């Protein structure tokens, strides 16, 4: 069942009754009933903390230092870096349009061990295809670093728990929830029932459409009618532990970050959020830190020297360590 864009702009009490049944709805349908806690933006994730912020425009003063979240992107069983906007469903395309920035001779498990040795938590293992080789490589990475990595790509209610049992700290979901261009709330609730909110990451990767950021699905090729805006982030935070957002327009192109998107996430995400897309230099890390008001974590892919780029991985790890040191 679908609803119109304005049907959920109602009070929290009436909306809670409405949400008890199966609903599929679009972006502006999200209601205003979930109020922000005047700067206590991560209060859901850290319930022991309360009203300690001094202004509504700043992050809660907790250990939410900007963190580097490493990645392992897997395509046909190989660790690769791909220009996201060129990725197509292999069942529909011959792959000739795919632009690959880098293909590693190291396995996904080897990268997982590297991140484990460097103490990097919360990295993303992304399966860029539904083939068995990619699934096997992802599982090997999870087993190499149990509890240290999240996994996404083809996650649904039937396989989510399997990946948790294989060692994933979280499962990352997009297309299963944003189905046929709209959000299927019942599917989202089913996932929460299976793995728990605390183990669910919603991938809200987006592309600009008519001046707004529309969430994209199906390997970033299909626009949904759900847009990244305050009400949407507030609502979805009730069903996820974190958000992951790729700026698809700049992803894999090494052209610089989407500062407007980072700023939006820094202002409005009430739970931890990670941005990916366009990082090229160490300066970009600082830009994310500033634009996101110190509340947005980051991922670096194609620019890293371990993925064929010019940005030293060791320098990024050192930067990450300095951010954590500042918060101690």
C-alpha atoms as a PDB file:
ATOM      1  CA  UNK A   1       0.000   0.000   0.000  1.00  0.00           C
ATOM      2  CA  UNK A   2       1.280   3.452  -0.852  1.00  0.00           C
ATOM      3  CA  UNK A   3       0.466   6.808   0.624  1.00  0.00           C
ATOM      4  CA  UNK A   4       0.754  10.330  -0.682  1.00  0.00           C
ATOM      5  CA  UNK A   5       3.561  12.716   0.175  1.00  0.00           C
ATOM      6  CA  UNK A   6       1.523  14.582   2.738  1.00  0.00           C
ATOM      7  CA  UNK A   7      -0.317  11.713   4.415  1.00  0.00           C
ATOM      8  CA  UNK A   8       2.087  11.316   7.327  1.00  0.00           C
ATOM      9  CA  UNK A   9       2.521  14.957   8.213  1.00  0.00           C
ATOM     10  CA  UNK A  10       0.496  14.460  11.360  1.00  0.00           C
ATOM     11  CA  UNK A  11       1.068  14.301  15.061  1.00  0.00           C
ATOM     12  CA  UNK A  12       3.295  11.624  16.582  1.00  0.00           C
ATOM     13  CA  UNK A  13       0.355   9.986  18.348  1.00  0.00           C
ATOM     14  CA  UNK A  14      -1.773   9.507  15.255  1.00  0.00           C
ATOM     15  CA  UNK A  15       1.249   8.498  13.191  1.00  0.00           C
ATOM     16  CA  UNK A  16       2.257   5.752  15.614  1.00  0.00           C
ATOM     17  CA  UNK A  17      -1.093   4.027  15.048  1.00  0.00           C
ATOM     18  CA  UNK A  18      -0.704   4.394  11.307  1.00  0.00           C
ATOM     19  CA  UNK A  19       2.800   2.903  11.336  1.00  0.00           C
ATOM     20  CA  UNK A  20       1.634  -0.248  13.084  1.00  0.00           C
ATOM     21  CA  UNK A  21       0.320  -1.588   9.762  1.00  0.00           C
ATOM     22  CA  UNK A  22       2.200  -2.296   6.516  1.00  0.00           C
ATOM     23  CA  UNK A  23       3.026   0.923   4.694  1.00  0.00           C
ATOM     24  CA  UNK A  24       5.098   1.957   1.719  1.00  0.00           C
ATOM     25  CA  UNK A  25       5.627   5.675   1.425  1.00  0.00           C
ATOM     26  CA  UNK A  26       7.757   8.415  -0.033  1.00  0.00           C
ATOM     27  CA  UNK A  27      10.022  11.129   1.290  1.00  0.00           C
ATOM     28  CA  UNK A  28       7.783  13.949   2.382  1.00  0.00           C
ATOM     29  CA  UNK A  29       5.460  11.438   4.034  1.00  0.00           C
ATOM     30  CA  UNK A  30       7.695  11.322   7.103  1.00  0.00           C
ATOM     31  CA  UNK A  31       6.111  13.058  10.033  1.00  0.00           C
ATOM     32  CA  UNK A  32       7.461  15.715  12.374  1.00  0.00           C
ATOM     33  CA  UNK A  33       6.667  13.862  15.589  1.00  0.00           C
ATOM     34  CA  UNK A  34      10.282  12.869  16.383  1.00  0.00           C
ATOM     35  CA  UNK A  35      11.792  15.950  17.910  1.00  0.00           C
ATOM     36  CA  UNK A  36      15.525  16.625  18.168  1.00  0.00           C
ATOM     37  CA  UNK A  37      17.042  16.843  21.633  1.00  0.00           C
ATOM     38  CA  UNK A  38      18.609  20.280  21.268  1.00  0.00           C
ATOM     39  CA  UNK A  39      22.009  19.113  20.189  1.00  0.00           C
ATOM     40  CA  UNK A  40      21.913  15.668  21.850  1.00  0.00           C
ATOM     41  CA  UNK A  41      22.164  14.256  18.354  1.00  0.00           C
ATOM     42  CA  UNK A  42      23.453  10.815  19.249  1.00  0.00           C
ATOM     43  CA  UNK A  43      21.293  10.386  22.347  1.00  0.00           C
ATOM     44  CA  UNK A  44      19.646   7.267  20.858  1.00  0.00           C
ATOM     45  CA  UNK A  45      22.983   5.534  20.514  1.00  0.00           C
ATOM     46  CA  UNK A  46      24.256   6.699  23.895  1.00  0.00           C
ATOM     47  CA  UNK A  47      21.233   6.575  26.237  1.00  0.00           C
ATOM     48  CA  UNK A  48      23.275   7.124  29.391  1.00  0.00           C
ATOM     49  CA  UNK A  49      24.090  10.639  28.286  1.00  0.00           C
ATOM     50  CA  UNK A  50      21.630  13.468  28.631  1.00  0.00           C
ATOM     51  CA  UNK A  51      21.123  17.205  28.184  1.00  0.00           C
ATOM     52  CA  UNK A  52      24.741  18.236  28.384  1.00  0.00           C
ATOM     53  CA  UNK A  53      25.079  20.279  25.232  1.00  0.00           C
ATOM     54  CA  UNK A  54      25.254  24.033  25.260  1.00  0.00           C
ATOM     55  CA  UNK A  55      23.575  24.795  21.939  1.00  0.00           C
ATOM     56  CA  UNK A  56      21.253  23.152  19.448  1.00  0.00           C
ATOM     57  CA  UNK A  57      23.727  23.656  16.619  1.00  0.00           C
ATOM     58  CA  UNK A  58      26.583  21.589  18.013  1.00  0.00           C
ATOM     59  CA  UNK A  59      27.186  17.864  18.541  1.00  0.00           C
ATOM     60  CA  UNK A  60      26.731  16.283  21.911  1.00  0.00           C
ATOM     61  CA  UNK A  61      30.071  16.354  23.700  1.00  0.00           C
ATOM     62  CA  UNK A  62      30.735  12.629  23.631  1.00  0.00           C
ATOM     63  CA  UNK A  63      33.205  10.381  21.877  1.00  0.00           C
ATOM     64  CA  UNK A  64      31.914  11.100  18.395  1.00  0.00           C
ATOM     65  CA  UNK A  65      35.230  12.188  16.907  1.00  0.00           C
ATOM     66  CA  UNK A  66      35.402  11.930  13.142  1.00  0.00           C
ATOM     67  CA  UNK A  67      36.561   8.428  12.322  1.00  0.00           C
ATOM     68  CA  UNK A  68      38.033   6.855   9.212  1.00  0.00           C
ATOM     69  CA  UNK A  69      35.920   3.864   8.191  1.00  0.00           C
ATOM     70  CA  UNK A  70      37.854   1.605   5.803  1.00  0.00           C
ATOM     71  CA  UNK A  71      36.181  -0.228   2.948  1.00  0.00           C
ATOM     72  CA  UNK A  72      36.422  -3.468   1.018  1.00  0.00           C
ATOM     73  CA  UNK A  73      34.442  -3.320  -2.222  1.00  0.00           C
ATOM     74  CA  UNK A  74      34.050  -6.723  -3.866  1.00  0.00           C
ATOM     75  CA  UNK A  75      33.089  -7.353  -7.490  1.00  0.00           C
ATOM     76  CA  UNK A  76      33.088 -10.897  -8.891  1.00  0.00           C
ATOM     77  CA  UNK A  77      35.146 -12.027  -5.921  1.00  0.00           C
ATOM     78  CA  UNK A  78      37.886  -9.418  -6.392  1.00  0.00           C
ATOM     79  CA  UNK A  79      38.592  -6.322  -4.317  1.00  0.00           C
ATOM     80  CA  UNK A  80      37.999  -3.398  -6.666  1.00  0.00           C
ATOM     81  CA  UNK A  81      37.378   0.315  -6.752  1.00  0.00           C
ATOM     82  CA  UNK A  82      34.653   1.199  -9.233  1.00  0.00           C
ATOM     83  CA  UNK A  83      33.105   4.470 -10.365  1.00  0.00           C
ATOM     84  CA  UNK A  84      29.740   4.014  -8.704  1.00  0.00           C
ATOM     85  CA  UNK A  85      27.666   5.747 -11.360  1.00  0.00           C
ATOM     86  CA  UNK A  86      28.828   3.195 -13.979  1.00  0.00           C
ATOM     87  CA  UNK A  87      27.823   0.092 -12.030  1.00  0.00           C
ATOM     88  CA  UNK A  88      25.015  -1.876 -13.633  1.00  0.00           C
ATOM     89  CA  UNK A  89      23.238  -5.116 -12.912  1.00  0.00           C
ATOM     90  CA  UNK A  90      25.304  -7.791 -14.644  1.00  0.00           C
ATOM     91  CA  UNK A  91      22.101  -9.591 -15.589  1.00  0.00           C
ATOM     92  CA  UNK A  92      21.115  -6.654 -17.737  1.00  0.00           C
ATOM     93  CA  UNK A  93      24.440  -5.351 -18.982  1.00  0.00           C
ATOM     94  CA  UNK A  94      27.532  -6.940 -20.509  1.00  0.00           C
ATOM     95  CA  UNK A  95      29.756  -4.949 -18.165  1.00  0.00           C
ATOM     96  CA  UNK A  96      31.333  -2.893 -20.942  1.00  0.00           C
ATOM     97  CA  UNK A  97      30.185   0.376 -19.357  1.00  0.00           C
ATOM     98  CA  UNK A  98      31.792  -0.454 -16.009  1.00  0.00           C
ATOM     99  CA  UNK A  99      34.654   1.875 -15.080  1.00  0.00           C
ATOM    100  CA  UNK A 100      37.122   0.177 -12.719  1.00  0.00           C
ATOM    101  CA  UNK A 101      39.684   2.397 -11.036  1.00  0.00           C
ATOM    102  CA  UNK A 102      41.562  -0.458  -9.405  1.00  0.00           C
ATOM    103  CA  UNK A 103      41.614  -4.222  -8.974  1.00  0.00           C
ATOM    104  CA  UNK A 104      43.735  -5.701  -6.192  1.00  0.00           C
ATOM    105  CA  UNK A 105      45.719  -8.918  -6.222  1.00  0.00           C
ATOM    106  CA  UNK A 106      45.091  -9.156  -2.470  1.00  0.00           C
ATOM    107  CA  UNK A 107      42.053 -10.928  -1.080  1.00  0.00           C
ATOM    108  CA  UNK A 108      39.248  -9.337   0.885  1.00  0.00           C
ATOM    109  CA  UNK A 109      40.461 -11.251   3.948  1.00  0.00           C
ATOM    110  CA  UNK A 110      43.928  -9.703   3.617  1.00  0.00           C
ATOM    111  CA  UNK A 111      42.437  -6.213   3.693  1.00  0.00           C
ATOM    112  CA  UNK A 112      40.331  -7.221   6.695  1.00  0.00           C
ATOM    113  CA  UNK A 113      43.471  -8.334   8.515  1.00  0.00           C
ATOM    114  CA  UNK A 114      45.167  -5.035   7.674  1.00  0.00           C
ATOM    115  CA  UNK A 115      42.300  -3.048   9.184  1.00  0.00           C
ATOM    116  CA  UNK A 116      42.288  -5.325  12.215  1.00  0.00           C
ATOM    117  CA  UNK A 117      46.010  -4.769  12.790  1.00  0.00           C
ATOM    118  CA  UNK A 118      45.501  -0.999  12.588  1.00  0.00           C
ATOM    119  CA  UNK A 119      42.562  -1.061  15.000  1.00  0.00           C
ATOM    120  CA  UNK A 120      40.073   0.356  12.499  1.00  0.00           C
ATOM    121  CA  UNK A 121      36.517  -0.519  13.490  1.00  0.00           C
ATOM    122  CA  UNK A 122      33.269  -0.194  11.573  1.00  0.00           C
ATOM    123  CA  UNK A 123      34.613  -0.663   8.059  1.00  0.00           C
ATOM    124  CA  UNK A 124      32.324  -1.606   5.194  1.00  0.00           C
ATOM    125  CA  UNK A 125      32.455  -4.796   3.151  1.00  0.00           C
ATOM    126  CA  UNK A 126      30.300  -4.128   0.095  1.00  0.00           C
ATOM    127  CA  UNK A 127      29.345  -6.828  -2.389  1.00  0.00           C
ATOM    128  CA  UNK A 128      28.885  -5.068  -5.721  1.00  0.00           C
ATOM    129  CA  UNK A 129      27.235  -8.102  -7.245  1.00  0.00           C
ATOM    130  CA  UNK A 130      25.120 -11.065  -6.215  1.00  0.00           C
ATOM    131  CA  UNK A 131      27.557 -13.694  -7.499  1.00  0.00           C
ATOM    132  CA  UNK A 132      28.803 -16.532  -5.316  1.00  0.00           C
ATOM    133  CA  UNK A 133      32.446 -15.439  -5.583  1.00  0.00           C
ATOM    134  CA  UNK A 134      31.651 -12.057  -4.053  1.00  0.00           C
ATOM    135  CA  UNK A 135      29.609 -13.616  -1.265  1.00  0.00           C
ATOM    136  CA  UNK A 136      32.412 -16.045  -0.438  1.00  0.00           C
ATOM    137  CA  UNK A 137      35.017 -13.265  -0.399  1.00  0.00           C
ATOM    138  CA  UNK A 138      32.831 -11.168   1.896  1.00  0.00           C
ATOM    139  CA  UNK A 139      32.404 -14.034   4.355  1.00  0.00           C
ATOM    140  CA  UNK A 140      36.172 -14.625   4.387  1.00  0.00           C
ATOM    141  CA  UNK A 141      36.703 -10.970   5.306  1.00  0.00           C
ATOM    142  CA  UNK A 142      34.121 -11.141   8.098  1.00  0.00           C
ATOM    143  CA  UNK A 143      35.715 -14.259   9.528  1.00  0.00           C
ATOM    144  CA  UNK A 144      39.135 -12.607   9.428  1.00  0.00           C
ATOM    145  CA  UNK A 145      37.916  -9.638  11.492  1.00  0.00           C
ATOM    146  CA  UNK A 146      34.871 -10.751  13.502  1.00  0.00           C
ATOM    147  CA  UNK A 147      32.928  -7.841  14.937  1.00  0.00           C
ATOM    148  CA  UNK A 148      35.080  -5.286  13.155  1.00  0.00           C
ATOM    149  CA  UNK A 149      33.303  -4.998   9.822  1.00  0.00           C
ATOM    150  CA  UNK A 150      29.850  -4.263   8.470  1.00  0.00           C
ATOM    151  CA  UNK A 151      28.548  -5.949   5.318  1.00  0.00           C
ATOM    152  CA  UNK A 152      26.210  -4.817   2.574  1.00  0.00           C
ATOM    153  CA  UNK A 153      25.024  -5.778  -0.882  1.00  0.00           C
ATOM    154  CA  UNK A 154      21.976  -7.946  -1.448  1.00  0.00           C
ATOM    155  CA  UNK A 155      21.074  -8.025   2.237  1.00  0.00           C
ATOM    156  CA  UNK A 156      17.502  -9.056   3.000  1.00  0.00           C
ATOM    157  CA  UNK A 157      15.441 -10.546   5.805  1.00  0.00           C
ATOM    158  CA  UNK A 158      16.390 -14.084   4.762  1.00  0.00           C
ATOM    159  CA  UNK A 159      20.186 -13.712   4.806  1.00  0.00           C
ATOM    160  CA  UNK A 160      20.858 -10.843   7.219  1.00  0.00           C
ATOM    161  CA  UNK A 161      21.257 -13.013  10.297  1.00  0.00           C
ATOM    162  CA  UNK A 162      23.624 -15.360   8.446  1.00  0.00           C
ATOM    163  CA  UNK A 163      26.091 -12.519   7.889  1.00  0.00           C
ATOM    164  CA  UNK A 164      25.852 -11.501  11.538  1.00  0.00           C
ATOM    165  CA  UNK A 165      26.618 -15.083  12.510  1.00  0.00           C
ATOM    166  CA  UNK A 166      29.611 -15.056  10.141  1.00  0.00           C
ATOM    167  CA  UNK A 167      31.072 -12.135  12.073  1.00  0.00           C
ATOM    168  CA  UNK A 168      29.545  -8.916  10.732  1.00  0.00           C
ATOM    169  CA  UNK A 169      28.935  -6.271  13.388  1.00  0.00           C
ATOM    170  CA  UNK A 170      26.113  -4.813  11.272  1.00  0.00           C
ATOM    171  CA  UNK A 171      24.312  -5.463   8.014  1.00  0.00           C
ATOM    172  CA  UNK A 172      23.923  -2.591   5.547  1.00  0.00           C
ATOM    173  CA  UNK A 173      20.657  -2.349   3.637  1.00  0.00           C
ATOM    174  CA  UNK A 174      19.294  -0.200   0.817  1.00  0.00           C
ATOM    175  CA  UNK A 175      17.401  -1.786  -2.054  1.00  0.00           C
ATOM    176  CA  UNK A 176      15.508  -4.283   0.096  1.00  0.00           C
ATOM    177  CA  UNK A 177      13.947  -1.441   2.059  1.00  0.00           C
ATOM    178  CA  UNK A 178      13.713   1.155  -0.719  1.00  0.00           C
ATOM    179  CA  UNK A 179      11.749  -1.056  -3.061  1.00  0.00           C
ATOM    180  CA  UNK A 180      10.398   0.072  -6.444  1.00  0.00           C
ATOM    181  CA  UNK A 181      11.258   3.672  -5.699  1.00  0.00           C
ATOM    182  CA  UNK A 182       9.486   3.843  -2.361  1.00  0.00           C
ATOM    183  CA  UNK A 183      10.206   2.847   1.202  1.00  0.00           C
ATOM    184  CA  UNK A 184       8.660  -0.372   2.442  1.00  0.00           C
ATOM    185  CA  UNK A 185       8.297   0.119   6.177  1.00  0.00           C
ATOM    186  CA  UNK A 186       7.183  -3.453   6.769  1.00  0.00           C
ATOM    187  CA  UNK A 187      10.408  -4.792   5.293  1.00  0.00           C
ATOM    188  CA  UNK A 188      12.387  -2.433   7.488  1.00  0.00           C
ATOM    189  CA  UNK A 189      10.490  -3.584  10.567  1.00  0.00           C
ATOM    190  CA  UNK A 190      11.099  -7.210   9.588  1.00  0.00           C
ATOM    191  CA  UNK A 191      14.847  -6.582   9.448  1.00  0.00           C
ATOM    192  CA  UNK A 192      14.780  -4.933  12.857  1.00  0.00           C
ATOM    193  CA  UNK A 193      12.932  -7.926  14.262  1.00  0.00           C
ATOM    194  CA  UNK A 194      15.483 -10.344  12.782  1.00  0.00           C
ATOM    195  CA  UNK A 195      18.808  -8.660  13.609  1.00  0.00           C
ATOM    196  CA  UNK A 196      17.849  -5.793  15.921  1.00  0.00           C
ATOM    197  CA  UNK A 197      18.102  -2.048  15.416  1.00  0.00           C
ATOM    198  CA  UNK A 198      21.574  -2.052  16.971  1.00  0.00           C
ATOM    199  CA  UNK A 199      22.935  -4.199  14.121  1.00  0.00           C
ATOM    200  CA  UNK A 200      21.306  -2.416  11.211  1.00  0.00           C
ATOM    201  CA  UNK A 201      22.872   0.259   8.998  1.00  0.00           C
ATOM    202  CA  UNK A 202      20.712   2.005   6.420  1.00  0.00           C
ATOM    203  CA  UNK A 203      22.538   2.943   3.241  1.00  0.00           C
ATOM    204  CA  UNK A 204      21.026   6.243   2.160  1.00  0.00           C
ATOM    205  CA  UNK A 205      23.370   6.821  -0.770  1.00  0.00           C
ATOM    206  CA  UNK A 206      22.021   9.564  -2.967  1.00  0.00           C
ATOM    207  CA  UNK A 207      22.254  11.578  -6.161  1.00  0.00           C
ATOM    208  CA  UNK A 208      21.129  15.110  -6.893  1.00  0.00           C
ATOM    209  CA  UNK A 209      17.737  15.377  -8.548  1.00  0.00           C
ATOM    210  CA  UNK A 210      16.050  18.710  -9.099  1.00  0.00           C
ATOM    211  CA  UNK A 211      18.320  20.299  -6.512  1.00  0.00           C
ATOM    212  CA  UNK A 212      17.610  17.724  -3.788  1.00  0.00           C
ATOM    213  CA  UNK A 213      19.354  14.551  -2.687  1.00  0.00           C
ATOM    214  CA  UNK A 214      17.288  11.543  -3.724  1.00  0.00           C
ATOM    215  CA  UNK A 215      18.130   8.139  -2.256  1.00  0.00           C
ATOM    216  CA  UNK A 216      19.198   5.750  -5.012  1.00  0.00           C
ATOM    217  CA  UNK A 217      18.907   1.967  -5.119  1.00  0.00           C
ATOM    218  CA  UNK A 218      19.756  -1.021  -7.313  1.00  0.00           C
ATOM    219  CA  UNK A 219      23.482  -0.352  -7.565  1.00  0.00           C
ATOM    220  CA  UNK A 220      22.795   3.390  -7.447  1.00  0.00           C
ATOM    221  CA  UNK A 221      20.995   3.376 -10.802  1.00  0.00           C
ATOM    222  CA  UNK A 222      17.386   3.929  -9.731  1.00  0.00           C
ATOM    223  CA  UNK A 223      16.083   7.067  -8.058  1.00  0.00           C
ATOM    224  CA  UNK A 224      13.667   6.564  -5.208  1.00  0.00           C
ATOM    225  CA  UNK A 225      11.120   9.208  -4.315  1.00  0.00           C
ATOM    226  CA  UNK A 226      12.628   9.477  -0.836  1.00  0.00           C
ATOM    227  CA  UNK A 227      14.846  12.508  -0.289  1.00  0.00           C
ATOM    228  CA  UNK A 228      17.445  13.177   2.369  1.00  0.00           C
ATOM    229  CA  UNK A 229      15.942  15.801   4.616  1.00  0.00           C
ATOM    230  CA  UNK A 230      15.610  16.330   8.334  1.00  0.00           C
ATOM    231  CA  UNK A 231      12.280  14.556   8.806  1.00  0.00           C
ATOM    232  CA  UNK A 232      13.469  11.499   6.896  1.00  0.00           C
ATOM    233  CA  UNK A 233      16.681  11.164   8.900  1.00  0.00           C
ATOM    234  CA  UNK A 234      14.837  11.679  12.180  1.00  0.00           C
ATOM    235  CA  UNK A 235      12.310   9.007  11.303  1.00  0.00           C
ATOM    236  CA  UNK A 236      14.739   6.397   9.985  1.00  0.00           C
ATOM    237  CA  UNK A 237      16.976   6.816  13.037  1.00  0.00           C
ATOM    238  CA  UNK A 238      14.326   4.909  14.964  1.00  0.00           C
ATOM    239  CA  UNK A 239      15.085   1.810  12.917  1.00  0.00           C
ATOM    240  CA  UNK A 240      18.871   1.880  12.484  1.00  0.00           C
ATOM    241  CA  UNK A 241      22.076   2.123  14.476  1.00  0.00           C
ATOM    242  CA  UNK A 242      23.919   4.093  11.788  1.00  0.00           C
ATOM    243  CA  UNK A 243      23.559   5.607   8.335  1.00  0.00           C
ATOM    244  CA  UNK A 244      25.953   5.165   5.419  1.00  0.00           C
ATOM    245  CA  UNK A 245      25.746   7.752   2.646  1.00  0.00           C
ATOM    246  CA  UNK A 246      27.685   7.670  -0.612  1.00  0.00           C
ATOM    247  CA  UNK A 247      27.650  10.875  -2.602  1.00  0.00           C
ATOM    248  CA  UNK A 248      27.161   8.952  -5.829  1.00  0.00           C
ATOM    249  CA  UNK A 249      27.689  11.963  -8.097  1.00  0.00           C
ATOM    250  CA  UNK A 250      31.310  12.207  -6.917  1.00  0.00           C
ATOM    251  CA  UNK A 251      31.933   8.588  -5.837  1.00  0.00           C
ATOM    252  CA  UNK A 252      35.100   7.095  -7.321  1.00  0.00           C
ATOM    253  CA  UNK A 253      35.906  10.165  -9.420  1.00  0.00           C
ATOM    254  CA  UNK A 254      38.519  11.760  -7.123  1.00  0.00           C
ATOM    255  CA  UNK A 255      37.073  15.191  -7.823  1.00  0.00           C
ATOM    256  CA  UNK A 256      36.589  16.319  -4.245  1.00  0.00           C
ATOM    257  CA  UNK A 257      33.836  15.801  -1.711  1.00  0.00           C
ATOM    258  CA  UNK A 258      30.219  16.934  -1.778  1.00  0.00           C
ATOM    259  CA  UNK A 259      30.410  19.471   1.046  1.00  0.00           C
ATOM    260  CA  UNK A 260      26.736  20.360   0.773  1.00  0.00           C
ATOM    261  CA  UNK A 261      25.777  16.752   1.430  1.00  0.00           C
ATOM    262  CA  UNK A 262      28.243  16.418   4.309  1.00  0.00           C
ATOM    263  CA  UNK A 263      26.838  19.569   5.900  1.00  0.00           C
ATOM    264  CA  UNK A 264      23.295  18.246   5.576  1.00  0.00           C
ATOM    265  CA  UNK A 265      24.295  15.034   7.339  1.00  0.00           C
ATOM    266  CA  UNK A 266      26.161  16.896  10.052  1.00  0.00           C
ATOM    267  CA  UNK A 267      23.165  19.108  10.781  1.00  0.00           C
ATOM    268  CA  UNK A 268      20.382  16.586  10.685  1.00  0.00           C
ATOM    269  CA  UNK A 269      21.512  13.017  11.388  1.00  0.00           C
ATOM    270  CA  UNK A 270      20.537  12.064  14.954  1.00  0.00           C
ATOM    271  CA  UNK A 271      22.644   8.868  14.867  1.00  0.00           C
ATOM    272  CA  UNK A 272      26.206   8.123  13.693  1.00  0.00           C
ATOM    273  CA  UNK A 273      26.606   8.616   9.951  1.00  0.00           C
ATOM    274  CA  UNK A 274      29.423   7.865   7.525  1.00  0.00           C
ATOM    275  CA  UNK A 275      30.015   9.792   4.299  1.00  0.00           C
ATOM    276  CA  UNK A 276      31.792   8.376   1.253  1.00  0.00           C
ATOM    277  CA  UNK A 277      32.637   9.986  -2.057  1.00  0.00           C
ATOM    278  CA  UNK A 278      35.270  12.122  -3.711  1.00  0.00           C
ATOM    279  CA  UNK A 279      38.004  12.194  -1.071  1.00  0.00           C
ATOM    280  CA  UNK A 280      41.296  12.900  -2.851  1.00  0.00           C
ATOM    281  CA  UNK A 281      43.683  14.577  -0.408  1.00  0.00           C
ATOM    282  CA  UNK A 282      44.239  14.925   3.320  1.00  0.00           C
ATOM    283  CA  UNK A 283      42.625  18.346   3.047  1.00  0.00           C
ATOM    284  CA  UNK A 284      39.364  16.631   2.119  1.00  0.00           C
ATOM    285  CA  UNK A 285      39.386  14.837   5.468  1.00  0.00           C
ATOM    286  CA  UNK A 286      39.516  18.174   7.245  1.00  0.00           C
ATOM    287  CA  UNK A 287      36.796  19.537   4.978  1.00  0.00           C
ATOM    288  CA  UNK A 288      34.510  16.696   6.007  1.00  0.00           C
ATOM    289  CA  UNK A 289      35.351  17.327   9.647  1.00  0.00           C
ATOM    290  CA  UNK A 290      34.459  21.011   9.314  1.00  0.00           C
ATOM    291  CA  UNK A 291      31.444  20.713   7.007  1.00  0.00           C
ATOM    292  CA  UNK A 292      29.985  17.917   9.131  1.00  0.00           C
ATOM    293  CA  UNK A 293      30.562  19.819  12.374  1.00  0.00           C
ATOM    294  CA  UNK A 294      32.746  16.975  13.644  1.00  0.00           C
ATOM    295  CA  UNK A 295      29.825  14.549  13.536  1.00  0.00           C
ATOM    296  CA  UNK A 296      30.299  12.751  10.211  1.00  0.00           C
ATOM    297  CA  UNK A 297      32.630   9.780   9.807  1.00  0.00           C
ATOM    298  CA  UNK A 298      34.297   9.187   6.458  1.00  0.00           C
ATOM    299  CA  UNK A 299      35.353   6.497   4.033  1.00  0.00           C
ATOM    300  CA  UNK A 300      38.180   6.763   1.512  1.00  0.00           C
ATOM    301  CA  UNK A 301      38.383   4.417  -1.450  1.00  0.00           C
ATOM    302  CA  UNK A 302      40.006   5.014  -4.814  1.00  0.00           C
ATOM    303  CA  UNK A 303      42.298   7.773  -3.554  1.00  0.00           C
ATOM    304  CA  UNK A 304      44.188   5.466  -1.159  1.00  0.00           C
ATOM    305  CA  UNK A 305      47.529   4.060  -2.261  1.00  0.00           C
ATOM    306  CA  UNK A 306      46.383   0.566  -1.224  1.00  0.00           C
ATOM    307  CA  UNK A 307      43.738   0.942  -3.949  1.00  0.00           C
ATOM    308  CA  UNK A 308      46.009   2.450  -6.579  1.00  0.00           C
ATOM    309  CA  UNK A 309      45.650   6.101  -5.572  1.00  0.00           C
ATOM    310  CA  UNK A 310      48.110   8.687  -4.289  1.00  0.00           C
ATOM    311  CA  UNK A 311      46.832   9.212  -0.749  1.00  0.00           C
ATOM    312  CA  UNK A 312      48.982   7.228   1.718  1.00  0.00           C
ATOM    313  CA  UNK A 313      46.871   4.827   3.740  1.00  0.00           C
ATOM    314  CA  UNK A 314      49.258   5.212   6.679  1.00  0.00           C
ATOM    315  CA  UNK A 315      48.672   8.973   6.707  1.00  0.00           C
ATOM    316  CA  UNK A 316      44.913   8.487   6.868  1.00  0.00           C
ATOM    317  CA  UNK A 317      45.292   5.991   9.724  1.00  0.00           C
ATOM    318  CA  UNK A 318      47.537   8.470  11.561  1.00  0.00           C
ATOM    319  CA  UNK A 319      44.929  11.211  11.042  1.00  0.00           C
ATOM    320  CA  UNK A 320      42.246   8.874  12.396  1.00  0.00           C
ATOM    321  CA  UNK A 321      44.360   8.160  15.473  1.00  0.00           C
ATOM    322  CA  UNK A 322      44.815  11.879  16.138  1.00  0.00           C
ATOM    323  CA  UNK A 323      41.049  12.421  16.067  1.00  0.00           C
ATOM    324  CA  UNK A 324      40.548   9.728  18.691  1.00  0.00           C
ATOM    325  CA  UNK A 325      43.360  11.139  20.821  1.00  0.00           C
ATOM    326  CA  UNK A 326      41.706  14.557  20.877  1.00  0.00           C
ATOM    327  CA  UNK A 327      38.532  13.020  22.332  1.00  0.00           C
ATOM    328  CA  UNK A 328      40.282  11.162  25.167  1.00  0.00           C
END
